Amino acid sequence: MARAIEEGAKSVVGINVDVKYYVTPEELQDADAIALGMPTYYHDMSRDMKNLLENAAKQKINLKGKVGAAFGSYGWSGEAPHLLLEIMKNKFEMDVIEPALRIKYNPDEKGLEECRKLGKAIAEKMLKASLG
């Protein structure tokens, strides 16, 4: 999913994308836009994602107004991307793209196209915000 989002973002001229498996709170702060993703585990976000968000809050990482999106896969319930997006929006005051992207199991071609569309939307919104 992340690679398809990257592909969509790179379809917008002038966009550089850096896909990471893990990220630090400082890297979040340094990014122009952020797409965070993870699968749903037992109706919740992964422990790693919770730790990242808790550490970012403790360190008072400023993400206010930064373009953000949440995505993830699920097998049964799929709450994690929605929970993540709400935290990005309400706790960190990010300018999020709604709704969160959820894909059941592994994405098929239709799901990958949704990922590419999300990537393009993130890039376009970021460029628009940077141009004022």
Foldseek 3Di string as FASTA:
>chain_A
DVVLLVLLLPVDPPDDDDDDPADALVVLLVDQEEEDEEADDPLEGDPRVVVRLVRNVVVVRAQAAREYAYEYEYAPDGNHRQVVVCCCCPVRVYPYDDDHYYHYDDDDPVSSVVSSVNSNVSNVVSVVVVVD
